[in-house]
Amino acid sequence: MEALFALHRAQTERVAYENIDIVLGRPQGIDPAESIDRIGRGRGGYCFNLNGALATLLEALGYRVRWHVGAVHSAGADPLPAEYRNHLAVTVELNGEIWMVDAGLGDAHHEPMPLRAGEHRQSPFTFGLAPLPRTPGGWRFKHDPALNHSRSEMDFTLARVHWTAFAAKHAELSTDPGSPFVQICQLHRRDERGADGLVGCVLHRVEGGGRRTERELSTAADWFAAAADVFDVRLDDLSADDRDHLWRRVQTAHQQWLMEREAQHSGSG
């Protein structure tokens, strides 16, 4: 148990959630071997990469690991199990109990979470788990309201699947022009005191009591410095042209977001 917690904390603190290659139009694969190699080269990934790598490591160490289909959705939505697959969920059976293991939700778990209904405190945040009444073996995870994705939830079943079950959904999420992973560059990292995020050009930090600080990064130098210093994503594998292209994509999406926000404020006024 002690090692499981230590491994989980180490990954969420040191391996960033990031979709940079998807934004660049050259999405990475999700074969666990490729994801492990990617992390070894100093990069991160999204849920299929991060949880696939962590699950494979735990299996190699002898843990009883299971892979499950999950669905991240907005609060209030109620997807059917047949619609799941936009998230790879992982559980570990240890000491007679099932533990939810997740390094792929960005700003959520810092440690494994026992699969028990109720509130679960992982300082400084509180998350929720509840069984899904209409889905036998189904569970719903709820974010802490203080976090950036506070309105999102994640449903998953305990049925066992292979990583290839996510191949088609990954292809869609990583190439469809309408996919949020294609449109918006994001980096996230979790530690024992809070969560860091870089969404578009906005760098933010959330800590206990809902304390939130944020600042807009207006230059490419500031953006790449934040990626390296806050998230340990140094992007040494990107050429100068790659960096220019990425920064243009980030800026364009950020300007679109600003216009949409202004339109919403004008409409509500």
C-alpha atoms as a PDB file:
ATOM      1  CA  MET A   1       0.000   0.000   0.000  1.00  0.00           C
ATOM      2  CA  GLU A   2       2.765   2.416   0.897  1.00  0.00           C
ATOM      3  CA  ALA A   3       4.494   1.829  -2.440  1.00  0.00           C
ATOM      4  CA  LEU A   4       1.233   2.215  -4.384  1.00  0.00           C
ATOM      5  CA  PHE A   5       0.650   5.626  -2.813  1.00  0.00           C
ATOM      6  CA  ALA A   6       4.260   6.694  -3.364  1.00  0.00           C
ATOM      7  CA  LEU A   7       4.181   5.707  -7.046  1.00  0.00           C
ATOM      8  CA  HIS A   8       0.874   7.481  -7.634  1.00  0.00           C
ATOM      9  CA  ARG A   9       2.064  10.689  -5.965  1.00  0.00           C
ATOM     10  CA  ALA A  10       5.330  10.596  -7.908  1.00  0.00           C
ATOM     11  CA  GLN A  11       3.598  10.337 -11.274  1.00  0.00           C
ATOM     12  CA  THR A  12       1.022  13.056 -10.652  1.00  0.00           C
ATOM     13  CA  GLU A  13       3.708  15.413  -9.354  1.00  0.00           C
ATOM     14  CA  ARG A  14       6.312  14.793 -12.055  1.00  0.00           C
ATOM     15  CA  VAL A  15       4.522  13.684 -15.244  1.00  0.00           C
ATOM     16  CA  ALA A  16       2.285  16.357 -16.707  1.00  0.00           C
ATOM     17  CA  TYR A  17      -1.100  15.969 -18.299  1.00  0.00           C
ATOM     18  CA  GLU A  18      -0.558  17.571 -21.723  1.00  0.00           C
ATOM     19  CA  ASN A  19      -1.950  17.428 -25.271  1.00  0.00           C
ATOM     20  CA  ILE A  20       0.751  19.392 -27.110  1.00  0.00           C
ATOM     21  CA  ASP A  21       1.352  16.911 -29.934  1.00  0.00           C
ATOM     22  CA  ILE A  22      -2.386  16.633 -30.566  1.00  0.00           C
ATOM     23  CA  VAL A  23      -2.615  20.425 -30.918  1.00  0.00           C
ATOM     24  CA  LEU A  24       0.346  20.286 -33.306  1.00  0.00           C
ATOM     25  CA  GLY A  25      -1.582  17.831 -35.492  1.00  0.00           C
ATOM     26  CA  ARG A  26       0.654  14.808 -34.907  1.00  0.00           C
ATOM     27  CA  PRO A  27      -1.084  12.859 -32.135  1.00  0.00           C
ATOM     28  CA  GLN A  28       0.867  10.318 -30.142  1.00  0.00           C
ATOM     29  CA  GLY A  29      -0.175   6.671 -29.952  1.00  0.00           C
ATOM     30  CA  ILE A  30      -1.676   5.079 -26.852  1.00  0.00           C
ATOM     31  CA  ASP A  31       0.048   1.700 -26.878  1.00  0.00           C
ATOM     32  CA  PRO A  32       1.351   1.474 -23.280  1.00  0.00           C
ATOM     33  CA  ALA A  33       4.874   0.735 -24.506  1.00  0.00           C
ATOM     34  CA  GLU A  34       4.826   3.937 -26.561  1.00  0.00           C
ATOM     35  CA  SER A  35       3.414   5.912 -23.633  1.00  0.00           C
ATOM     36  CA  ILE A  36       6.140   4.614 -21.317  1.00  0.00           C
ATOM     37  CA  ASP A  37       8.817   5.570 -23.840  1.00  0.00           C
ATOM     38  CA  ARG A  38       7.226   8.991 -24.196  1.00  0.00           C
ATOM     39  CA  ILE A  39       7.302   9.605 -20.435  1.00  0.00           C
ATOM     40  CA  GLY A  40      10.897   8.387 -20.305  1.00  0.00           C
ATOM     41  CA  ARG A  41      11.756  11.132 -22.795  1.00  0.00           C
ATOM     42  CA  GLY A  42      10.329  13.812 -20.517  1.00  0.00           C
ATOM     43  CA  ARG A  43       6.870  14.205 -22.003  1.00  0.00           C
ATOM     44  CA  GLY A  44       3.398  13.547 -20.630  1.00  0.00           C
ATOM     45  CA  GLY A  45       0.095  12.859 -22.354  1.00  0.00           C
ATOM     46  CA  TYR A  46      -3.598  12.608 -21.682  1.00  0.00           C
ATOM     47  CA  CYS A  47      -5.544   9.905 -19.863  1.00  0.00           C
ATOM     48  CA  PHE A  48      -4.854   7.032 -22.273  1.00  0.00           C
ATOM     49  CA  ASN A  49      -1.111   7.677 -22.025  1.00  0.00           C
ATOM     50  CA  LEU A  50      -0.822   8.521 -18.334  1.00  0.00           C
ATOM     51  CA  ASN A  51      -3.116   5.847 -16.926  1.00  0.00           C
ATOM     52  CA  GLY A  52      -1.926   3.279 -19.461  1.00  0.00           C
ATOM     53  CA  ALA A  53       1.682   3.802 -18.391  1.00  0.00           C
ATOM     54  CA  LEU A  54       0.857   3.774 -14.683  1.00  0.00           C
ATOM     55  CA  ALA A  55      -1.295   0.644 -14.975  1.00  0.00           C
ATOM     56  CA  THR A  56       1.442  -1.153 -16.908  1.00  0.00           C
ATOM     57  CA  LEU A  57       4.035  -0.220 -14.281  1.00  0.00           C
ATOM     58  CA  LEU A  58       1.805  -1.461 -11.471  1.00  0.00           C
ATOM     59  CA  GLU A  59       1.105  -4.720 -13.305  1.00  0.00           C
ATOM     60  CA  ALA A  60       4.844  -5.270 -13.787  1.00  0.00           C
ATOM     61  CA  LEU A  61       5.344  -4.789 -10.043  1.00  0.00           C
ATOM     62  CA  GLY A  62       2.770  -7.464  -9.253  1.00  0.00           C
ATOM     63  CA  TYR A  63      -0.316  -5.418  -8.382  1.00  0.00           C
ATOM     64  CA  ARG A  64      -3.761  -6.754  -9.344  1.00  0.00           C
ATOM     65  CA  VAL A  65      -4.725  -4.109 -11.903  1.00  0.00           C
ATOM     66  CA  ARG A  66      -7.835  -3.736 -14.044  1.00  0.00           C
ATOM     67  CA  TRP A  67      -8.511  -1.356 -16.932  1.00  0.00           C
ATOM     68  CA  HIS A  68     -12.040   0.033 -17.403  1.00  0.00           C
ATOM     69  CA  VAL A  69     -13.955   2.247 -19.814  1.00  0.00           C
ATOM     70  CA  GLY A  70     -14.914   5.651 -18.421  1.00  0.00           C
ATOM     71  CA  ALA A  71     -16.773   8.757 -19.557  1.00  0.00           C
ATOM     72  CA  VAL A  72     -15.877  12.310 -18.540  1.00  0.00           C
ATOM     73  CA  HIS A  73     -18.969  14.496 -18.823  1.00  0.00           C
ATOM     74  CA  SER A  74     -20.551  17.702 -17.560  1.00  0.00           C
ATOM     75  CA  ALA A  75     -22.433  17.636 -14.280  1.00  0.00           C
ATOM     76  CA  GLY A  76     -26.056  16.766 -14.924  1.00  0.00           C
ATOM     77  CA  ALA A  77     -25.342  14.552 -17.919  1.00  0.00           C
ATOM     78  CA  ASP A  78     -26.009  10.815 -17.622  1.00  0.00           C
ATOM     79  CA  PRO A  79     -24.222   8.916 -20.396  1.00  0.00           C
ATOM     80  CA  LEU A  80     -25.058   5.290 -21.087  1.00  0.00           C
ATOM     81  CA  PRO A  81     -22.288   2.700 -20.605  1.00  0.00           C
ATOM     82  CA  ALA A  82     -22.321   2.063 -24.363  1.00  0.00           C
ATOM     83  CA  GLU A  83     -21.166   5.694 -24.777  1.00  0.00           C
ATOM     84  CA  TYR A  84     -18.189   5.341 -22.438  1.00  0.00           C
ATOM     85  CA  ARG A  85     -14.584   5.351 -23.728  1.00  0.00           C
ATOM     86  CA  ASN A  86     -13.337   8.945 -23.595  1.00  0.00           C
ATOM     87  CA  HIS A  87     -11.470   8.059 -20.388  1.00  0.00           C
ATOM     88  CA  LEU A  88      -9.342   5.108 -19.303  1.00  0.00           C
ATOM     89  CA  ALA A  89     -10.150   4.273 -15.686  1.00  0.00           C
ATOM     90  CA  VAL A  90      -7.940   1.993 -13.593  1.00  0.00           C
ATOM     91  CA  THR A  91      -8.502   0.084 -10.367  1.00  0.00           C
ATOM     92  CA  VAL A  92      -6.176  -1.929  -8.139  1.00  0.00           C
ATOM     93  CA  GLU A  93      -7.315  -4.644  -5.748  1.00  0.00           C
ATOM     94  CA  LEU A  94      -5.163  -4.578  -2.633  1.00  0.00           C
ATOM     95  CA  ASN A  95      -5.651  -5.828   0.929  1.00  0.00           C
ATOM     96  CA  GLY A  96      -9.199  -6.949   0.140  1.00  0.00           C
ATOM     97  CA  GLU A  97     -10.303  -3.551  -1.196  1.00  0.00           C
ATOM     98  CA  ILE A  98     -10.618  -1.929  -4.614  1.00  0.00           C
ATOM     99  CA  TRP A  99      -8.755   1.337  -5.152  1.00  0.00           C
ATOM    100  CA  MET A 100      -9.375   3.900  -7.881  1.00  0.00           C
ATOM    101  CA  VAL A 101      -6.006   4.818  -9.424  1.00  0.00           C
ATOM    102  CA  ASP A 102      -6.031   7.810 -11.781  1.00  0.00           C
ATOM    103  CA  ALA A 103      -3.197  10.018 -13.009  1.00  0.00           C
ATOM    104  CA  GLY A 104      -5.146  11.045 -16.112  1.00  0.00           C
ATOM    105  CA  LEU A 105      -7.756  13.530 -14.878  1.00  0.00           C
ATOM    106  CA  GLY A 106      -5.266  16.385 -14.759  1.00  0.00           C
ATOM    107  CA  ASP A 107      -6.144  18.255 -11.598  1.00  0.00           C
ATOM    108  CA  ALA A 108      -7.887  15.535  -9.579  1.00  0.00           C
ATOM    109  CA  HIS A 109      -6.251  12.598  -7.794  1.00  0.00           C
ATOM    110  CA  HIS A 110      -2.967  12.961  -5.990  1.00  0.00           C
ATOM    111  CA  GLU A 111      -3.247   9.506  -4.394  1.00  0.00           C
ATOM    112  CA  PRO A 112      -5.266   6.316  -4.905  1.00  0.00           C
ATOM    113  CA  MET A 113      -8.859   6.501  -3.656  1.00  0.00           C
ATOM    114  CA  PRO A 114     -10.759   3.615  -2.026  1.00  0.00           C
ATOM    115  CA  LEU A 115     -13.834   2.664  -4.022  1.00  0.00           C
ATOM    116  CA  ARG A 116     -16.326   3.614  -1.311  1.00  0.00           C
ATOM    117  CA  ALA A 117     -19.380   5.821  -1.609  1.00  0.00           C
ATOM    118  CA  GLY A 118     -19.037   9.237  -0.002  1.00  0.00           C
ATOM    119  CA  GLU A 119     -16.591  12.115   0.215  1.00  0.00           C
ATOM    120  CA  HIS A 120     -12.847  11.528  -0.071  1.00  0.00           C
ATOM    121  CA  ARG A 121     -10.416  14.114   1.238  1.00  0.00           C
ATOM    122  CA  GLN A 122      -7.109  14.469  -0.558  1.00  0.00           C
ATOM    123  CA  SER A 123      -5.745  17.640   0.963  1.00  0.00           C
ATOM    124  CA  PRO A 124      -6.549  20.332   0.120  1.00  0.00           C
ATOM    125  CA  PHE A 125      -9.486  19.092  -1.997  1.00  0.00           C
ATOM    126  CA  THR A 126     -12.533  16.888  -1.432  1.00  0.00           C
ATOM    127  CA  PHE A 127     -13.850  14.534  -4.110  1.00  0.00           C
ATOM    128  CA  GLY A 128     -16.899  12.313  -4.278  1.00  0.00           C
ATOM    129  CA  LEU A 129     -17.650   8.728  -5.297  1.00  0.00           C
ATOM    130  CA  ALA A 130     -21.107   7.238  -5.706  1.00  0.00           C
ATOM    131  CA  PRO A 131     -22.481   4.049  -7.286  1.00  0.00           C
ATOM    132  CA  LEU A 132     -24.624   4.484 -10.397  1.00  0.00           C
ATOM    133  CA  PRO A 133     -28.073   3.041  -9.612  1.00  0.00           C
ATOM    134  CA  ARG A 134     -28.987   2.131 -13.179  1.00  0.00           C
ATOM    135  CA  THR A 135     -25.563   0.708 -14.084  1.00  0.00           C
ATOM    136  CA  PRO A 136     -24.585  -2.459 -12.170  1.00  0.00           C
ATOM    137  CA  GLY A 137     -20.958  -2.096 -11.155  1.00  0.00           C
ATOM    138  CA  GLY A 138     -20.932   1.527 -12.268  1.00  0.00           C
ATOM    139  CA  TRP A 139     -19.439   4.435 -10.319  1.00  0.00           C
ATOM    140  CA  ARG A 140     -19.377   8.230 -10.612  1.00  0.00           C
ATOM    141  CA  PHE A 141     -16.406  10.387  -9.585  1.00  0.00           C
ATOM    142  CA  LYS A 142     -17.034  14.068  -8.779  1.00  0.00           C
ATOM    143  CA  HIS A 143     -14.449  16.865  -8.755  1.00  0.00           C
ATOM    144  CA  ASP A 144     -13.947  19.306  -5.924  1.00  0.00           C
ATOM    145  CA  PRO A 145     -15.955  22.479  -6.745  1.00  0.00           C
ATOM    146  CA  ALA A 146     -12.839  24.617  -6.236  1.00  0.00           C
ATOM    147  CA  LEU A 147     -11.054  23.100  -9.216  1.00  0.00           C
ATOM    148  CA  ASN A 148     -11.073  24.386 -12.767  1.00  0.00           C
ATOM    149  CA  HIS A 149     -13.054  21.368 -13.977  1.00  0.00           C
ATOM    150  CA  SER A 150     -15.447  21.524 -11.023  1.00  0.00           C
ATOM    151  CA  ARG A 151     -18.505  20.928 -13.204  1.00  0.00           C
ATOM    152  CA  SER A 152     -17.173  17.713 -14.716  1.00  0.00           C
ATOM    153  CA  GLU A 153     -17.735  14.175 -13.527  1.00  0.00           C
ATOM    154  CA  MET A 154     -16.420  10.797 -14.620  1.00  0.00           C
ATOM    155  CA  ASP A 155     -18.473   7.611 -14.811  1.00  0.00           C
ATOM    156  CA  PHE A 156     -16.888   4.178 -15.163  1.00  0.00           C
ATOM    157  CA  THR A 157     -17.795   0.514 -14.894  1.00  0.00           C
ATOM    158  CA  LEU A 158     -15.782  -2.251 -13.292  1.00  0.00           C
ATOM    159  CA  ALA A 159     -15.898  -4.482 -16.385  1.00  0.00           C
ATOM    160  CA  ARG A 160     -12.385  -5.347 -17.517  1.00  0.00           C
ATOM    161  CA  VAL A 161     -11.085  -4.199 -20.925  1.00  0.00           C
ATOM    162  CA  HIS A 162      -7.835  -4.138 -22.925  1.00  0.00           C
ATOM    163  CA  TRP A 163      -6.151  -0.869 -23.921  1.00  0.00           C
ATOM    164  CA  THR A 164      -7.137  -1.435 -27.555  1.00  0.00           C
ATOM    165  CA  ALA A 165     -10.754  -0.770 -26.549  1.00  0.00           C
ATOM    166  CA  PHE A 166      -9.853   2.940 -26.588  1.00  0.00           C
ATOM    167  CA  ALA A 167      -8.140   3.047 -30.008  1.00  0.00           C
ATOM    168  CA  ALA A 168     -11.125   4.323 -32.008  1.00  0.00           C
ATOM    169  CA  LYS A 169     -12.057   6.967 -29.426  1.00  0.00           C
ATOM    170  CA  HIS A 170      -8.452   8.143 -29.218  1.00  0.00           C
ATOM    171  CA  ALA A 171      -8.355   8.545 -32.999  1.00  0.00           C
ATOM    172  CA  GLU A 172     -11.497  10.672 -32.814  1.00  0.00           C
ATOM    173  CA  LEU A 173     -10.435  12.806 -29.841  1.00  0.00           C
ATOM    174  CA  SER A 174      -6.962  13.442 -31.245  1.00  0.00           C
ATOM    175  CA  THR A 175      -7.895  14.319 -34.853  1.00  0.00           C
ATOM    176  CA  ASP A 176     -11.478  15.646 -35.018  1.00  0.00           C
ATOM    177  CA  PRO A 177     -11.307  19.443 -35.546  1.00  0.00           C
ATOM    178  CA  GLY A 178     -14.184  19.838 -33.100  1.00  0.00           C
ATOM    179  CA  SER A 179     -12.435  17.949 -30.300  1.00  0.00           C
ATOM    180  CA  PRO A 180     -11.428  20.126 -27.315  1.00  0.00           C
ATOM    181  CA  PHE A 181      -8.098  18.276 -27.273  1.00  0.00           C
ATOM    182  CA  VAL A 182      -7.408  19.457 -30.824  1.00  0.00           C
ATOM    183  CA  GLN A 183      -8.609  23.006 -30.203  1.00  0.00           C
ATOM    184  CA  ILE A 184      -7.180  23.922 -26.785  1.00  0.00           C
ATOM    185  CA  CYS A 185      -3.690  23.249 -25.455  1.00  0.00           C
ATOM    186  CA  GLN A 186      -3.704  22.212 -21.795  1.00  0.00           C
ATOM    187  CA  LEU A 187      -1.133  21.252 -19.191  1.00  0.00           C
ATOM    188  CA  HIS A 188      -1.994  20.128 -15.646  1.00  0.00           C
ATOM    189  CA  ARG A 189      -0.060  18.925 -12.625  1.00  0.00           C
ATOM    190  CA  ARG A 190      -1.044  17.957  -9.082  1.00  0.00           C
ATOM    191  CA  ASP A 191       0.875  18.130  -5.788  1.00  0.00           C
ATOM    192  CA  GLU A 192       0.061  17.823  -2.084  1.00  0.00           C
ATOM    193  CA  ARG A 193      -0.788  21.531  -1.742  1.00  0.00           C
ATOM    194  CA  GLY A 194      -2.853  22.094  -4.868  1.00  0.00           C
ATOM    195  CA  ALA A 195      -3.090  21.929  -8.652  1.00  0.00           C
ATOM    196  CA  ASP A 196      -1.460  23.869 -11.485  1.00  0.00           C
ATOM    197  CA  GLY A 197      -2.973  24.359 -14.913  1.00  0.00           C
ATOM    198  CA  LEU A 198      -2.076  26.079 -18.158  1.00  0.00           C
ATOM    199  CA  VAL A 199      -5.125  26.338 -20.418  1.00  0.00           C
ATOM    200  CA  GLY A 200      -4.435  28.289 -23.560  1.00  0.00           C
ATOM    201  CA  CYS A 201      -2.539  31.378 -22.390  1.00  0.00           C
ATOM    202  CA  VAL A 202      -3.855  31.357 -18.802  1.00  0.00           C
ATOM    203  CA  LEU A 203      -1.628  29.899 -16.086  1.00  0.00           C
ATOM    204  CA  HIS A 204      -3.461  29.187 -12.837  1.00  0.00           C
ATOM    205  CA  ARG A 205      -2.876  27.658  -9.423  1.00  0.00           C
ATOM    206  CA  VAL A 206      -5.623  26.354  -7.094  1.00  0.00           C
ATOM    207  CA  GLU A 207      -4.958  25.643  -3.421  1.00  0.00           C
ATOM    208  CA  GLY A 208      -6.959  25.010  -0.251  1.00  0.00           C
ATOM    209  CA  GLY A 209      -9.990  27.092   0.571  1.00  0.00           C
ATOM    210  CA  GLY A 210     -10.605  27.744  -3.119  1.00  0.00           C
ATOM    211  CA  ARG A 211      -7.651  30.139  -3.321  1.00  0.00           C
ATOM    212  CA  ARG A 212      -6.985  30.697  -6.999  1.00  0.00           C
ATOM    213  CA  THR A 213      -4.307  32.765  -8.680  1.00  0.00           C
ATOM    214  CA  GLU A 214      -3.940  33.203 -12.412  1.00  0.00           C
ATOM    215  CA  ARG A 215      -2.094  35.271 -14.961  1.00  0.00           C
ATOM    216  CA  GLU A 216      -2.167  35.586 -18.709  1.00  0.00           C
ATOM    217  CA  LEU A 217       1.023  34.662 -20.562  1.00  0.00           C
ATOM    218  CA  SER A 218       1.412  37.143 -23.395  1.00  0.00           C
ATOM    219  CA  THR A 219       4.653  35.963 -25.010  1.00  0.00           C
ATOM    220  CA  ALA A 220       5.948  32.692 -26.366  1.00  0.00           C
ATOM    221  CA  ALA A 221       8.964  32.933 -24.052  1.00  0.00           C
ATOM    222  CA  ASP A 222       6.703  33.158 -20.990  1.00  0.00           C
ATOM    223  CA  TRP A 223       4.534  30.272 -22.200  1.00  0.00           C
ATOM    224  CA  PHE A 224       7.415  27.882 -22.852  1.00  0.00           C
ATOM    225  CA  ALA A 225       9.101  28.923 -19.596  1.00  0.00           C
ATOM    226  CA  ALA A 226       5.923  28.046 -17.670  1.00  0.00           C
ATOM    227  CA  ALA A 227       5.681  24.683 -19.440  1.00  0.00           C
ATOM    228  CA  ALA A 228       9.251  23.911 -18.363  1.00  0.00           C
ATOM    229  CA  ASP A 229       9.334  25.433 -14.881  1.00  0.00           C
ATOM    230  CA  VAL A 230       5.839  24.580 -13.595  1.00  0.00           C
ATOM    231  CA  PHE A 231       5.086  21.342 -15.452  1.00  0.00           C
ATOM    232  CA  ASP A 232       8.597  20.080 -16.246  1.00  0.00           C
ATOM    233  CA  VAL A 233       7.666  19.848 -19.938  1.00  0.00           C
ATOM    234  CA  ARG A 234      10.758  21.205 -21.660  1.00  0.00           C
ATOM    235  CA  LEU A 235       9.850  20.335 -25.249  1.00  0.00           C
ATOM    236  CA  ASP A 236      13.456  19.844 -26.348  1.00  0.00           C
ATOM    237  CA  ASP A 237      12.081  17.592 -29.094  1.00  0.00           C
ATOM    238  CA  LEU A 238      10.294  20.491 -30.818  1.00  0.00           C
ATOM    239  CA  SER A 239      11.967  22.408 -33.632  1.00  0.00           C
ATOM    240  CA  ALA A 240      11.825  26.207 -33.849  1.00  0.00           C
ATOM    241  CA  ASP A 241       9.081  25.871 -36.478  1.00  0.00           C
ATOM    242  CA  ASP A 242       7.144  23.531 -34.181  1.00  0.00           C
ATOM    243  CA  ARG A 243       7.346  26.057 -31.358  1.00  0.00           C
ATOM    244  CA  ASP A 244       6.191  28.896 -33.608  1.00  0.00           C
ATOM    245  CA  HIS A 245       3.278  26.815 -34.865  1.00  0.00           C
ATOM    246  CA  LEU A 246       2.281  25.759 -31.349  1.00  0.00           C
ATOM    247  CA  TRP A 247       2.377  29.319 -30.049  1.00  0.00           C
ATOM    248  CA  ARG A 248       0.206  30.524 -32.959  1.00  0.00           C
ATOM    249  CA  ARG A 249      -2.331  27.780 -32.216  1.00  0.00           C
ATOM    250  CA  VAL A 250      -2.351  28.661 -28.519  1.00  0.00           C
ATOM    251  CA  GLN A 251      -2.794  32.380 -29.228  1.00  0.00           C
ATOM    252  CA  THR A 252      -5.568  31.809 -31.774  1.00  0.00           C
ATOM    253  CA  ALA A 253      -7.542  29.618 -29.376  1.00  0.00           C
ATOM    254  CA  HIS A 254      -7.004  32.125 -26.580  1.00  0.00           C
ATOM    255  CA  GLN A 255      -8.318  35.017 -28.671  1.00  0.00           C
ATOM    256  CA  GLN A 256     -11.352  32.948 -29.636  1.00  0.00           C
ATOM    257  CA  TRP A 257     -11.983  32.220 -25.954  1.00  0.00           C
ATOM    258  CA  LEU A 258     -11.720  35.920 -25.082  1.00  0.00           C
ATOM    259  CA  MET A 259     -14.257  36.821 -27.780  1.00  0.00           C
ATOM    260  CA  GLU A 260     -16.666  34.123 -26.611  1.00  0.00           C
ATOM    261  CA  ARG A 261     -16.332  35.278 -23.010  1.00  0.00           C
ATOM    262  CA  GLU A 262     -16.979  38.887 -24.010  1.00  0.00           C
ATOM    263  CA  ALA A 263     -20.058  37.825 -25.990  1.00  0.00           C
ATOM    264  CA  GLN A 264     -21.383  35.898 -22.981  1.00  0.00           C
ATOM    265  CA  HIS A 265     -20.848  38.869 -20.676  1.00  0.00           C
ATOM    266  CA  SER A 266     -22.544  41.185 -23.162  1.00  0.00           C
ATOM    267  CA  GLY A 267     -25.489  38.848 -23.455  1.00  0.00           C
ATOM    268  CA  SER A 268     -25.904  38.446 -19.707  1.00  0.00           C
ATOM    269  CA  GLY A 269     -25.671  42.206 -19.178  1.00  0.00           C
END
